[in-house]
N, C-alpha and C. Protein backbone atom coordinates (compact mmCIF):
# COMPACT_ATOMS: atom_id res chain seq x y z
N MET A 1 0.84 -1.16 0.00
CA MET A 1 0.00 0.00 0.00
C MET A 1 0.89 1.24 0.00
N LYS A 2 0.44 2.26 -0.71
CA LYS A 2 1.18 3.51 -0.80
C LYS A 2 0.35 4.64 -0.19
N MET A 3 1.03 5.79 0.01
CA MET A 3 0.37 6.93 0.63
C MET A 3 0.74 8.18 -0.14
N LYS A 4 -0.24 9.05 -0.36
CA LYS A 4 -0.04 10.36 -0.99
C LYS A 4 -0.57 11.40 -0.02
N LEU A 5 0.25 12.41 0.26
CA LEU A 5 -0.13 13.46 1.21
C LEU A 5 -0.35 14.77 0.46
N PHE A 6 -1.48 15.40 0.72
CA PHE A 6 -1.78 16.72 0.19
C PHE A 6 -1.89 17.66 1.39
N SER A 7 -1.40 18.88 1.24
CA SER A 7 -1.49 19.81 2.37
C SER A 7 -1.63 21.24 1.88
N MET A 8 -2.13 22.08 2.78
CA MET A 8 -2.19 23.51 2.52
C MET A 8 -2.08 24.25 3.84
N THR A 9 -1.51 25.43 3.77
CA THR A 9 -1.36 26.28 4.95
C THR A 9 -2.35 27.43 4.84
N ASP A 10 -2.72 27.97 5.98
CA ASP A 10 -3.74 29.03 6.04
C ASP A 10 -5.03 28.57 5.39
N ALA A 11 -5.41 27.34 5.76
CA ALA A 11 -6.62 26.74 5.20
C ALA A 11 -7.84 27.61 5.51
N LYS A 12 -8.63 27.85 4.49
CA LYS A 12 -9.88 28.58 4.65
C LYS A 12 -11.01 27.61 4.33
N LYS A 13 -12.07 27.70 5.07
CA LYS A 13 -13.19 26.79 4.82
C LYS A 13 -13.88 27.12 3.52
N GLU A 14 -13.72 28.34 3.06
CA GLU A 14 -14.28 28.74 1.78
C GLU A 14 -13.21 29.53 1.05
N GLY A 15 -13.27 29.54 -0.25
CA GLY A 15 -12.35 30.37 -1.00
C GLY A 15 -11.35 29.60 -1.81
N ALA A 16 -10.41 30.34 -2.39
CA ALA A 16 -9.45 29.80 -3.35
C ALA A 16 -8.56 28.73 -2.74
N SER A 17 -8.13 28.87 -1.50
CA SER A 17 -7.20 27.91 -0.91
C SER A 17 -7.80 26.50 -0.89
N LEU A 18 -9.01 26.39 -0.42
CA LEU A 18 -9.65 25.08 -0.34
C LEU A 18 -9.94 24.54 -1.74
N GLN A 19 -10.36 25.40 -2.64
CA GLN A 19 -10.61 24.96 -4.02
C GLN A 19 -9.33 24.46 -4.68
N ASP A 20 -8.19 25.08 -4.37
CA ASP A 20 -6.92 24.62 -4.91
C ASP A 20 -6.58 23.23 -4.40
N LEU A 21 -6.83 22.97 -3.14
CA LEU A 21 -6.56 21.66 -2.57
C LEU A 21 -7.44 20.60 -3.22
N VAL A 22 -8.70 20.90 -3.41
CA VAL A 22 -9.62 19.98 -4.08
C VAL A 22 -9.14 19.71 -5.50
N ARG A 23 -8.71 20.76 -6.20
CA ARG A 23 -8.21 20.61 -7.56
C ARG A 23 -6.97 19.70 -7.59
N GLN A 24 -6.06 19.88 -6.64
CA GLN A 24 -4.85 19.05 -6.57
C GLN A 24 -5.19 17.57 -6.42
N VAL A 25 -6.12 17.28 -5.51
CA VAL A 25 -6.51 15.89 -5.28
C VAL A 25 -7.16 15.31 -6.54
N ASN A 26 -8.07 16.05 -7.15
CA ASN A 26 -8.75 15.55 -8.35
C ASN A 26 -7.80 15.38 -9.52
N GLU A 27 -6.84 16.29 -9.68
CA GLU A 27 -5.85 16.15 -10.75
C GLU A 27 -4.98 14.91 -10.53
N TRP A 28 -4.57 14.68 -9.30
CA TRP A 28 -3.75 13.51 -9.00
C TRP A 28 -4.53 12.23 -9.31
N LEU A 29 -5.78 12.19 -8.90
CA LEU A 29 -6.61 11.01 -9.18
C LEU A 29 -6.78 10.79 -10.68
N ALA A 30 -6.97 11.87 -11.44
CA ALA A 30 -7.12 11.76 -12.89
C ALA A 30 -5.86 11.24 -13.56
N LEU A 31 -4.69 11.59 -13.01
CA LEU A 31 -3.42 11.14 -13.57
C LEU A 31 -3.06 9.72 -13.17
N HIS A 32 -3.81 9.15 -12.23
CA HIS A 32 -3.54 7.79 -11.74
C HIS A 32 -4.81 6.95 -11.82
N PRO A 33 -5.23 6.63 -13.06
CA PRO A 33 -6.50 5.89 -13.22
C PRO A 33 -6.45 4.46 -12.69
N ASN A 34 -5.27 3.90 -12.57
CA ASN A 34 -5.13 2.52 -12.07
C ASN A 34 -4.89 2.50 -10.57
N THR A 35 -5.62 3.33 -9.87
CA THR A 35 -5.45 3.48 -8.43
C THR A 35 -6.71 3.02 -7.71
N ARG A 36 -6.52 2.17 -6.73
CA ARG A 36 -7.62 1.75 -5.87
C ARG A 36 -7.44 2.44 -4.52
N ILE A 37 -8.37 3.32 -4.19
CA ILE A 37 -8.30 4.06 -2.93
C ILE A 37 -8.70 3.13 -1.80
N ARG A 38 -7.87 3.06 -0.76
CA ARG A 38 -8.14 2.22 0.40
C ARG A 38 -8.67 3.03 1.57
N ASP A 39 -8.19 4.26 1.71
CA ASP A 39 -8.64 5.11 2.82
C ASP A 39 -8.25 6.55 2.54
N ILE A 40 -9.03 7.48 3.05
CA ILE A 40 -8.73 8.91 2.95
C ILE A 40 -8.94 9.50 4.33
N LEU A 41 -7.93 10.20 4.82
CA LEU A 41 -8.00 10.83 6.13
C LEU A 41 -7.76 12.33 6.01
N GLN A 42 -8.43 13.09 6.83
CA GLN A 42 -8.26 14.54 6.86
C GLN A 42 -7.80 14.92 8.26
N SER A 43 -6.83 15.82 8.33
CA SER A 43 -6.29 16.23 9.62
C SER A 43 -6.01 17.73 9.63
N PRO A 44 -6.87 18.51 10.26
CA PRO A 44 -6.60 19.95 10.39
C PRO A 44 -5.84 20.24 11.68
N ASN A 45 -5.05 21.30 11.68
CA ASN A 45 -4.44 21.77 12.92
C ASN A 45 -4.17 23.26 12.82
N GLY A 46 -3.66 23.84 13.89
CA GLY A 46 -3.45 25.28 13.93
C GLY A 46 -4.68 25.96 14.48
N GLY A 47 -4.75 27.24 14.28
CA GLY A 47 -5.92 27.95 14.76
C GLY A 47 -5.61 29.37 15.13
N SER A 48 -6.07 29.80 16.29
CA SER A 48 -5.98 31.20 16.69
C SER A 48 -4.55 31.72 16.74
N TRP A 49 -3.64 30.94 17.27
CA TRP A 49 -2.27 31.42 17.47
C TRP A 49 -1.32 31.00 16.36
N MET A 50 -1.68 30.01 15.61
CA MET A 50 -0.82 29.50 14.54
C MET A 50 -1.60 29.48 13.23
N ALA A 51 -0.88 29.47 12.12
CA ALA A 51 -1.54 29.38 10.82
C ALA A 51 -2.29 28.05 10.72
N SER A 52 -3.46 28.10 10.14
CA SER A 52 -4.23 26.88 9.93
C SER A 52 -3.56 26.01 8.89
N LYS A 53 -3.63 24.71 9.10
CA LYS A 53 -3.08 23.75 8.15
C LYS A 53 -4.10 22.63 7.97
N LEU A 54 -4.14 22.11 6.76
CA LEU A 54 -5.03 21.00 6.47
C LEU A 54 -4.24 19.96 5.70
N PHE A 55 -4.33 18.72 6.14
CA PHE A 55 -3.66 17.60 5.50
C PHE A 55 -4.70 16.59 5.05
N ILE A 56 -4.55 16.11 3.84
CA ILE A 56 -5.38 15.01 3.34
C ILE A 56 -4.43 13.89 2.95
N THR A 57 -4.64 12.73 3.54
CA THR A 57 -3.80 11.57 3.26
C THR A 57 -4.64 10.54 2.50
N VAL A 58 -4.12 10.11 1.36
CA VAL A 58 -4.80 9.11 0.55
C VAL A 58 -3.95 7.84 0.58
N TRP A 59 -4.53 6.77 1.09
CA TRP A 59 -3.88 5.45 1.10
C TRP A 59 -4.42 4.69 -0.09
N TYR A 60 -3.52 4.16 -0.93
CA TYR A 60 -3.96 3.55 -2.17
C TYR A 60 -3.07 2.40 -2.60
N GLU A 61 -3.56 1.67 -3.60
CA GLU A 61 -2.80 0.60 -4.25
C GLU A 61 -2.89 0.83 -5.75
N GLU A 62 -1.82 0.53 -6.44
CA GLU A 62 -1.84 0.58 -7.89
C GLU A 62 -2.29 -0.78 -8.41
N VAL A 63 -3.28 -0.77 -9.29
CA VAL A 63 -3.81 -2.01 -9.85
C VAL A 63 -3.57 -2.03 -11.36
N SER A 64 -3.53 -3.21 -11.92
CA SER A 64 -3.30 -3.33 -13.37
C SER A 64 -4.60 -3.47 -14.11
């Protein structure tokens, strides 16, 4: 099993930053059609005192 990590800093719940992250994930999936997704996890951190960060981890297998 393999893992692909996507991340962004100063994550906004709405706006260009989040749309860019969605675009990155969708582009990666489109470029890897022989991919079987096993799990997807989201992990936000940061907040009032630190810049917001959002991580999306995709666990996958390459299939023939």
